[in-house]
Amino acid sequence: VLALNNGHKQARLMLANIYLQQQQQTEAESLLATGLAQDPRHAPFAMLYAQLLMAQTREQEAIQSLQTALPDAVQDAEYHAFLAALYQRTGKPAAAVPLYETALRYRPMKGEWWMGLGISLEHSGNLPAAYAAYQRALQYPLKPLLQQYIQTRLTILPR
C-alpha cells in the first residue's frame, strides 16, 4: 500500500507495528520518522516513535516529537500521561503537572497517573497538592509496591 500511496497513514502505522512485533526497531523507526516528516503533528506516529526513542534513552527527542504532535492529541489521555512521564523522567516536573492534570480530566480513575501527578507536584515544591494527589491515587487499584511508595510519601509530606 505504501508503494502506491506513501502518505497512507494507517498502512504506515500497521507496518511499523509489524516491524516492532518482529523486533525490527530500526525499520520501524525509519518508517515512523518518514511519516512524521510528512506530517509532524500526526499523534499516532509521534506516540509510537517516542516509545521507540525512549527505549533507546533518547528522551529529549521523544519529548520533542510528542510536543510537536500534541495539538492533534488534545483529548488523548494516554498521550498526555506519556508525555508527562517523560518530562518527569527528564527532571522537568513542572512541565509534567499540567499534562497529568489533562490526562486525569479524561481518565480520572488511573491511580498511576495520580501518583505521577503527586511526584511531579512534590518535586515542583507544591507539597499540599502532592499530598492530595497521593491520597487520590490510593482510591484506585495499584500494585502493592506503588501503594507502599505512596504510603511512605504520605507519612513524610505535610498535609
N, C-alpha and C. Protein backbone atom coordinates (compact mmCIF):
# COMPACT_ATOMS: atom_id res chain seq x y z
N VAL A 1 0.84 -1.19 0.00
CA VAL A 1 0.00 0.00 0.00
C VAL A 1 0.88 1.26 0.00
N LEU A 2 1.95 1.24 0.80
CA LEU A 2 2.82 2.41 0.85
C LEU A 2 3.54 2.65 -0.48
N ALA A 3 3.78 1.58 -1.25
CA ALA A 3 4.40 1.76 -2.56
C ALA A 3 3.47 2.52 -3.50
N LEU A 4 2.17 2.31 -3.32
CA LEU A 4 1.19 3.01 -4.15
C LEU A 4 0.83 4.39 -3.61
N ASN A 5 0.85 4.51 -2.27
CA ASN A 5 0.46 5.77 -1.64
C ASN A 5 1.33 5.96 -0.39
N ASN A 6 2.44 6.65 -0.57
CA ASN A 6 3.40 6.84 0.51
C ASN A 6 2.82 7.61 1.70
N GLY A 7 1.72 8.30 1.50
CA GLY A 7 1.09 9.08 2.57
C GLY A 7 -0.01 8.35 3.31
N HIS A 8 -0.19 7.07 3.04
CA HIS A 8 -1.26 6.30 3.70
C HIS A 8 -0.87 6.04 5.16
N LYS A 9 -1.45 6.80 6.06
CA LYS A 9 -1.05 6.78 7.47
C LYS A 9 -1.35 5.45 8.16
N GLN A 10 -2.53 4.90 7.92
CA GLN A 10 -2.90 3.65 8.59
C GLN A 10 -1.98 2.51 8.17
N ALA A 11 -1.65 2.44 6.89
CA ALA A 11 -0.74 1.39 6.41
C ALA A 11 0.64 1.57 7.03
N ARG A 12 1.10 2.80 7.14
CA ARG A 12 2.42 3.07 7.74
C ARG A 12 2.43 2.65 9.21
N LEU A 13 1.38 2.97 9.91
CA LEU A 13 1.30 2.61 11.33
C LEU A 13 1.22 1.09 11.50
N MET A 14 0.45 0.43 10.68
CA MET A 14 0.34 -1.02 10.75
C MET A 14 1.68 -1.69 10.46
N LEU A 15 2.39 -1.21 9.44
CA LEU A 15 3.67 -1.79 9.09
C LEU A 15 4.70 -1.54 10.21
N ALA A 16 4.67 -0.37 10.79
CA ALA A 16 5.58 -0.08 11.91
C ALA A 16 5.33 -1.04 13.06
N ASN A 17 4.07 -1.31 13.36
CA ASN A 17 3.75 -2.26 14.43
C ASN A 17 4.19 -3.67 14.08
N ILE A 18 4.08 -4.05 12.83
CA ILE A 18 4.56 -5.37 12.39
C ILE A 18 6.08 -5.45 12.58
N TYR A 19 6.78 -4.40 12.17
CA TYR A 19 8.23 -4.37 12.38
C TYR A 19 8.57 -4.53 13.86
N LEU A 20 7.85 -3.84 14.71
CA LEU A 20 8.12 -3.93 16.14
C LEU A 20 7.85 -5.34 16.68
N GLN A 21 6.79 -5.96 16.23
CA GLN A 21 6.50 -7.33 16.65
C GLN A 21 7.60 -8.29 16.23
N GLN A 22 8.27 -7.97 15.12
CA GLN A 22 9.34 -8.81 14.61
C GLN A 22 10.72 -8.34 15.11
N GLN A 23 10.72 -7.46 16.12
CA GLN A 23 11.95 -6.95 16.72
C GLN A 23 12.83 -6.20 15.71
N GLN A 24 12.21 -5.54 14.76
CA GLN A 24 12.94 -4.76 13.75
C GLN A 24 12.76 -3.27 14.06
N GLN A 25 13.37 -2.83 15.16
CA GLN A 25 13.21 -1.47 15.64
C GLN A 25 13.73 -0.43 14.64
N THR A 26 14.85 -0.73 14.00
CA THR A 26 15.43 0.24 13.06
C THR A 26 14.48 0.52 11.91
N GLU A 27 13.87 -0.53 11.38
CA GLU A 27 12.94 -0.36 10.27
C GLU A 27 11.70 0.42 10.72
N ALA A 28 11.20 0.08 11.92
CA ALA A 28 10.03 0.79 12.44
C ALA A 28 10.34 2.26 12.67
N GLU A 29 11.51 2.53 13.24
CA GLU A 29 11.89 3.92 13.50
C GLU A 29 12.00 4.71 12.20
N SER A 30 12.61 4.12 11.20
CA SER A 30 12.75 4.79 9.90
C SER A 30 11.39 5.07 9.28
N LEU A 31 10.53 4.10 9.34
CA LEU A 31 9.18 4.23 8.77
C LEU A 31 8.40 5.35 9.47
N LEU A 32 8.50 5.39 10.79
CA LEU A 32 7.78 6.41 11.56
C LEU A 32 8.40 7.80 11.35
N ALA A 33 9.73 7.85 11.28
CA ALA A 33 10.40 9.13 11.04
C ALA A 33 9.97 9.72 9.69
N THR A 34 9.85 8.86 8.69
CA THR A 34 9.37 9.32 7.38
C THR A 34 7.94 9.83 7.48
N GLY A 35 7.10 9.11 8.20
CA GLY A 35 5.72 9.54 8.39
C GLY A 35 5.63 10.87 9.11
N LEU A 36 6.48 11.06 10.11
CA LEU A 36 6.48 12.32 10.85
C LEU A 36 7.07 13.46 10.02
N ALA A 37 7.97 13.15 9.11
CA ALA A 37 8.49 14.18 8.21
C ALA A 37 7.37 14.67 7.30
N GLN A 38 6.47 13.76 6.92
CA GLN A 38 5.34 14.13 6.08
C GLN A 38 4.28 14.89 6.87
N ASP A 39 4.06 14.46 8.11
CA ASP A 39 3.03 15.09 8.96
C ASP A 39 3.50 15.05 10.41
N PRO A 40 4.26 16.07 10.84
CA PRO A 40 4.84 16.07 12.20
C PRO A 40 3.81 16.10 13.32
N ARG A 41 2.56 16.42 12.98
CA ARG A 41 1.54 16.52 14.02
C ARG A 41 0.65 15.28 14.11
N HIS A 42 1.02 14.22 13.43
CA HIS A 42 0.20 13.00 13.47
C HIS A 42 0.50 12.26 14.78
N ALA A 43 -0.42 12.36 15.71
CA ALA A 43 -0.21 11.84 17.07
C ALA A 43 0.09 10.34 17.14
N PRO A 44 -0.59 9.48 16.39
CA PRO A 44 -0.25 8.05 16.48
C PRO A 44 1.20 7.74 16.09
N PHE A 45 1.72 8.43 15.06
CA PHE A 45 3.12 8.24 14.69
C PHE A 45 4.02 8.73 15.82
N ALA A 46 3.72 9.92 16.33
CA ALA A 46 4.55 10.51 17.37
C ALA A 46 4.60 9.64 18.62
N MET A 47 3.47 9.06 19.00
CA MET A 47 3.42 8.23 20.20
C MET A 47 4.30 6.99 20.04
N LEU A 48 4.14 6.29 18.95
CA LEU A 48 4.92 5.07 18.72
C LEU A 48 6.40 5.40 18.54
N TYR A 49 6.69 6.46 17.83
CA TYR A 49 8.07 6.90 17.62
C TYR A 49 8.71 7.27 18.96
N ALA A 50 7.99 7.97 19.79
CA ALA A 50 8.52 8.36 21.11
C ALA A 50 8.79 7.13 21.98
N GLN A 51 7.95 6.12 21.89
CA GLN A 51 8.20 4.89 22.65
C GLN A 51 9.49 4.23 22.19
N LEU A 52 9.73 4.23 20.90
CA LEU A 52 10.98 3.68 20.37
C LEU A 52 12.18 4.48 20.87
N LEU A 53 12.06 5.79 20.81
CA LEU A 53 13.15 6.66 21.25
C LEU A 53 13.43 6.49 22.74
N MET A 54 12.38 6.39 23.52
CA MET A 54 12.54 6.23 24.96
C MET A 54 13.27 4.92 25.28
N ALA A 55 12.97 3.87 24.55
CA ALA A 55 13.65 2.59 24.76
C ALA A 55 15.15 2.70 24.49
N GLN A 56 15.52 3.70 23.70
CA GLN A 56 16.93 3.94 23.38
C GLN A 56 17.53 5.05 24.24
N THR A 57 16.82 5.43 25.29
CA THR A 57 17.19 6.53 26.18
C THR A 57 17.43 7.84 25.42
N ARG A 58 16.59 8.09 24.45
CA ARG A 58 16.62 9.34 23.68
C ARG A 58 15.39 10.16 24.05
N GLU A 59 15.28 10.44 25.35
CA GLU A 59 14.08 11.08 25.88
C GLU A 59 13.81 12.46 25.32
N GLN A 60 14.86 13.26 25.13
CA GLN A 60 14.65 14.62 24.62
C GLN A 60 14.05 14.61 23.22
N GLU A 61 14.51 13.68 22.38
CA GLU A 61 13.93 13.56 21.04
C GLU A 61 12.48 13.09 21.12
N ALA A 62 12.21 12.19 22.06
CA ALA A 62 10.84 11.69 22.25
C ALA A 62 9.92 12.83 22.67
N ILE A 63 10.39 13.64 23.60
CA ILE A 63 9.61 14.79 24.07
C ILE A 63 9.33 15.75 22.91
N GLN A 64 10.35 16.03 22.13
CA GLN A 64 10.18 16.95 21.02
C GLN A 64 9.13 16.44 20.03
N SER A 65 9.19 15.17 19.72
CA SER A 65 8.22 14.58 18.79
C SER A 65 6.80 14.66 19.36
N LEU A 66 6.66 14.32 20.63
CA LEU A 66 5.34 14.36 21.26
C LEU A 66 4.81 15.79 21.36
N GLN A 67 5.67 16.72 21.70
CA GLN A 67 5.24 18.13 21.81
C GLN A 67 4.75 18.65 20.47
N THR A 68 5.42 18.27 19.40
CA THR A 68 5.04 18.73 18.07
C THR A 68 3.64 18.25 17.70
N ALA A 69 3.34 17.01 18.06
CA ALA A 69 2.05 16.42 17.69
C ALA A 69 0.97 16.64 18.74
N LEU A 70 1.30 17.29 19.84
CA LEU A 70 0.34 17.47 20.93
C LEU A 70 -0.99 18.10 20.49
N PRO A 71 -1.00 19.08 19.59
CA PRO A 71 -2.29 19.65 19.17
C PRO A 71 -3.25 18.62 18.56
N ASP A 72 -2.72 17.57 17.95
CA ASP A 72 -3.58 16.54 17.38
C ASP A 72 -3.99 15.47 18.40
N ALA A 73 -3.49 15.59 19.63
CA ALA A 73 -3.79 14.61 20.66
C ALA A 73 -4.51 15.26 21.85
N VAL A 74 -5.27 16.30 21.57
CA VAL A 74 -5.88 17.11 22.61
C VAL A 74 -6.68 16.29 23.62
N GLN A 75 -7.43 15.31 23.17
CA GLN A 75 -8.27 14.53 24.08
C GLN A 75 -7.73 13.13 24.34
N ASP A 76 -6.47 12.88 24.03
CA ASP A 76 -5.86 11.57 24.21
C ASP A 76 -5.16 11.52 25.57
N ALA A 77 -5.82 10.94 26.54
CA ALA A 77 -5.30 10.89 27.90
C ALA A 77 -3.98 10.14 27.98
N GLU A 78 -3.87 9.02 27.29
CA GLU A 78 -2.63 8.22 27.30
C GLU A 78 -1.46 9.05 26.77
N TYR A 79 -1.71 9.80 25.74
CA TYR A 79 -0.68 10.64 25.13
C TYR A 79 -0.16 11.66 26.14
N HIS A 80 -1.10 12.36 26.79
CA HIS A 80 -0.71 13.36 27.79
C HIS A 80 0.05 12.73 28.95
N ALA A 81 -0.42 11.58 29.42
CA ALA A 81 0.26 10.92 30.55
C ALA A 81 1.65 10.45 30.16
N PHE A 82 1.80 9.95 28.93
CA PHE A 82 3.12 9.50 28.48
C PHE A 82 4.09 10.67 28.38
N LEU A 83 3.64 11.77 27.81
CA LEU A 83 4.49 12.96 27.73
C LEU A 83 4.83 13.48 29.13
N ALA A 84 3.85 13.46 30.02
CA ALA A 84 4.10 13.88 31.41
C ALA A 84 5.17 13.01 32.05
N ALA A 85 5.07 11.71 31.86
CA ALA A 85 6.06 10.79 32.45
C ALA A 85 7.46 11.05 31.89
N LEU A 86 7.53 11.39 30.62
CA LEU A 86 8.84 11.72 30.03
C LEU A 86 9.41 13.00 30.64
N TYR A 87 8.56 14.00 30.80
CA TYR A 87 9.04 15.23 31.43
C TYR A 87 9.50 14.95 32.86
N GLN A 88 8.74 14.16 33.57
CA GLN A 88 9.10 13.82 34.95
C GLN A 88 10.44 13.08 34.96
N ARG A 89 10.58 12.13 34.06
CA ARG A 89 11.79 11.31 33.99
C ARG A 89 13.03 12.14 33.65
N THR A 90 12.84 13.22 32.91
CA THR A 90 13.96 14.06 32.50
C THR A 90 14.18 15.26 33.42
N GLY A 91 13.57 15.21 34.59
CA GLY A 91 13.81 16.25 35.59
C GLY A 91 13.07 17.55 35.36
N LYS A 92 11.90 17.47 34.69
CA LYS A 92 11.09 18.66 34.45
C LYS A 92 9.69 18.45 35.03
N PRO A 93 9.59 18.33 36.35
CA PRO A 93 8.29 18.01 36.94
C PRO A 93 7.24 19.10 36.74
N ALA A 94 7.66 20.35 36.69
CA ALA A 94 6.67 21.43 36.50
C ALA A 94 5.99 21.31 35.14
N ALA A 95 6.72 20.84 34.13
CA ALA A 95 6.13 20.64 32.81
C ALA A 95 5.19 19.43 32.81
N ALA A 96 5.43 18.48 33.69
CA ALA A 96 4.60 17.27 33.76
C ALA A 96 3.24 17.54 34.40
N VAL A 97 3.18 18.46 35.34
CA VAL A 97 1.95 18.69 36.11
C VAL A 97 0.74 18.97 35.23
N PRO A 98 0.76 19.96 34.34
CA PRO A 98 -0.45 20.22 33.55
C PRO A 98 -0.81 19.07 32.61
N LEU A 99 0.17 18.31 32.18
CA LEU A 99 -0.10 17.17 31.31
C LEU A 99 -0.80 16.06 32.09
N TYR A 100 -0.33 15.77 33.30
CA TYR A 100 -1.03 14.79 34.14
C TYR A 100 -2.45 15.27 34.45
N GLU A 101 -2.59 16.55 34.73
CA GLU A 101 -3.93 17.08 35.03
C GLU A 101 -4.86 16.91 33.84
N THR A 102 -4.36 17.15 32.64
CA THR A 102 -5.18 16.96 31.45
C THR A 102 -5.55 15.49 31.28
N ALA A 103 -4.58 14.62 31.42
CA ALA A 103 -4.85 13.18 31.28
C ALA A 103 -5.91 12.74 32.29
N LEU A 104 -5.81 13.24 33.52
CA LEU A 104 -6.75 12.84 34.57
C LEU A 104 -8.13 13.44 34.39
N ARG A 105 -8.23 14.53 33.66
CA ARG A 105 -9.55 15.06 33.33
C ARG A 105 -10.33 14.07 32.47
N TYR A 106 -9.62 13.40 31.59
CA TYR A 106 -10.26 12.44 30.69
C TYR A 106 -10.37 11.04 31.29
N ARG A 107 -9.43 10.67 32.17
CA ARG A 107 -9.45 9.33 32.77
C ARG A 107 -9.08 9.45 34.25
N PRO A 108 -10.01 9.90 35.07
CA PRO A 108 -9.69 10.19 36.47
C PRO A 108 -9.47 8.96 37.36
N MET A 109 -9.70 7.78 36.86
CA MET A 109 -9.58 6.60 37.70
C MET A 109 -8.25 5.87 37.52
N LYS A 110 -7.23 6.57 37.08
CA LYS A 110 -5.91 5.98 36.86
C LYS A 110 -5.00 6.31 38.04
N GLY A 111 -4.87 5.38 38.95
CA GLY A 111 -4.05 5.58 40.14
C GLY A 111 -2.61 5.91 39.83
N GLU A 112 -2.05 5.27 38.80
CA GLU A 112 -0.65 5.54 38.44
C GLU A 112 -0.47 7.00 38.01
N TRP A 113 -1.46 7.54 37.33
CA TRP A 113 -1.35 8.93 36.89
C TRP A 113 -1.48 9.89 38.07
N TRP A 114 -2.35 9.55 39.04
CA TRP A 114 -2.44 10.37 40.24
C TRP A 114 -1.10 10.34 40.99
N MET A 115 -0.48 9.16 41.02
CA MET A 115 0.82 9.06 41.66
C MET A 115 1.84 9.90 40.89
N GLY A 116 1.82 9.82 39.56
CA GLY A 116 2.73 10.64 38.75
C GLY A 116 2.53 12.12 39.00
N LEU A 117 1.26 12.51 39.10
CA LEU A 117 0.96 13.91 39.42
C LEU A 117 1.52 14.26 40.80
N GLY A 118 1.33 13.38 41.76
CA GLY A 118 1.85 13.62 43.11
C GLY A 118 3.36 13.79 43.11
N ILE A 119 4.06 12.93 42.40
CA ILE A 119 5.52 13.02 42.31
C ILE A 119 5.93 14.34 41.66
N SER A 120 5.26 14.69 40.58
CA SER A 120 5.60 15.94 39.89
C SER A 120 5.32 17.15 40.75
N LEU A 121 4.19 17.14 41.44
CA LEU A 121 3.87 18.26 42.34
C LEU A 121 4.88 18.33 43.48
N GLU A 122 5.22 17.19 44.03
CA GLU A 122 6.19 17.17 45.13
C GLU A 122 7.53 17.74 44.68
N HIS A 123 8.01 17.30 43.52
CA HIS A 123 9.30 17.78 43.03
C HIS A 123 9.24 19.22 42.55
N SER A 124 8.03 19.73 42.32
CA SER A 124 7.86 21.14 41.95
C SER A 124 7.71 22.02 43.19
N GLY A 125 7.62 21.39 44.36
CA GLY A 125 7.52 22.15 45.61
C GLY A 125 6.11 22.39 46.10
N ASN A 126 5.11 21.86 45.44
CA ASN A 126 3.73 22.04 45.88
C ASN A 126 3.32 20.84 46.73
N LEU A 127 3.78 20.83 47.97
CA LEU A 127 3.62 19.67 48.84
C LEU A 127 2.17 19.39 49.25
N PRO A 128 1.35 20.40 49.57
CA PRO A 128 -0.05 20.08 49.90
C PRO A 128 -0.80 19.44 48.73
N ALA A 129 -0.57 19.95 47.52
CA ALA A 129 -1.23 19.36 46.35
C ALA A 129 -0.69 17.96 46.07
N ALA A 130 0.59 17.75 46.32
CA ALA A 130 1.18 16.43 46.14
C ALA A 130 0.53 15.44 47.10
N TYR A 131 0.36 15.86 48.34
CA TYR A 131 -0.28 15.01 49.35
C TYR A 131 -1.68 14.60 48.89
N ALA A 132 -2.44 15.58 48.40
CA ALA A 132 -3.80 15.30 47.94
C ALA A 132 -3.80 14.35 46.73
N ALA A 133 -2.85 14.52 45.82
CA ALA A 133 -2.77 13.64 44.65
C ALA A 133 -2.41 12.22 45.07
N TYR A 134 -1.49 12.09 46.02
CA TYR A 134 -1.14 10.75 46.52
C TYR A 134 -2.34 10.08 47.18
N GLN A 135 -3.09 10.85 47.97
CA GLN A 135 -4.29 10.28 48.60
C GLN A 135 -5.28 9.81 47.54
N ARG A 136 -5.44 10.60 46.52
CA ARG A 136 -6.37 10.25 45.45
C ARG A 136 -5.91 8.98 44.73
N ALA A 137 -4.60 8.84 44.55
CA ALA A 137 -4.06 7.65 43.88
C ALA A 137 -4.45 6.37 44.60
N LEU A 138 -4.49 6.44 45.92
CA LEU A 138 -4.80 5.25 46.72
C LEU A 138 -6.26 4.82 46.61
N GLN A 139 -7.09 5.64 46.00
CA GLN A 139 -8.50 5.29 45.82
C GLN A 139 -8.70 4.31 44.67
N TYR A 140 -7.64 4.06 43.90
CA TYR A 140 -7.75 3.22 42.71
C TYR A 140 -6.77 2.05 42.81
N PRO A 141 -7.04 0.99 42.08
CA PRO A 141 -6.15 -0.18 42.15
C PRO A 141 -4.72 0.16 41.72
N LEU A 142 -3.79 -0.24 42.55
CA LEU A 142 -2.37 -0.03 42.28
C LEU A 142 -1.61 -1.28 42.70
N LYS A 143 -0.46 -1.49 42.10
CA LYS A 143 0.40 -2.59 42.51
C LYS A 143 0.88 -2.32 43.94
N PRO A 144 1.08 -3.38 44.72
CA PRO A 144 1.49 -3.20 46.12
C PRO A 144 2.73 -2.32 46.30
N LEU A 145 3.71 -2.44 45.43
CA LEU A 145 4.91 -1.63 45.54
C LEU A 145 4.60 -0.14 45.39
N LEU A 146 3.68 0.19 44.48
CA LEU A 146 3.28 1.59 44.30
C LEU A 146 2.50 2.10 45.51
N GLN A 147 1.63 1.25 46.04
CA GLN A 147 0.89 1.63 47.24
C GLN A 147 1.85 1.91 48.39
N GLN A 148 2.86 1.06 48.53
CA GLN A 148 3.84 1.24 49.59
C GLN A 148 4.61 2.55 49.40
N TYR A 149 4.99 2.85 48.18
CA TYR A 149 5.70 4.11 47.90
C TYR A 149 4.83 5.29 48.30
N ILE A 150 3.56 5.25 47.90
CA ILE A 150 2.65 6.36 48.21
C ILE A 150 2.45 6.50 49.72
N GLN A 151 2.27 5.38 50.40
CA GLN A 151 2.11 5.43 51.87
C GLN A 151 3.33 6.08 52.53
N THR A 152 4.49 5.75 52.04
CA THR A 152 5.73 6.35 52.58
C THR A 152 5.73 7.86 52.33
N ARG A 153 5.37 8.28 51.14
CA ARG A 153 5.34 9.71 50.84
C ARG A 153 4.33 10.43 51.73
N LEU A 154 3.20 9.79 51.97
CA LEU A 154 2.16 10.43 52.79
C LEU A 154 2.60 10.61 54.23
N THR A 155 3.45 9.72 54.72
CA THR A 155 3.93 9.88 56.10
C THR A 155 4.99 10.98 56.21
N ILE A 156 5.65 11.27 55.10
CA ILE A 156 6.72 12.27 55.11
C ILE A 156 6.21 13.68 54.81
N LEU A 157 5.25 13.77 53.89
CA LEU A 157 4.79 15.09 53.44
C LEU A 157 3.86 15.75 54.46
N PRO A 158 3.92 17.08 54.54
CA PRO A 158 2.94 17.78 55.38
C PRO A 158 1.57 17.78 54.69
N ARG A 159 0.56 17.80 55.52
CA ARG A 159 -0.80 17.84 54.97
C ARG A 159 -1.08 19.23 54.52
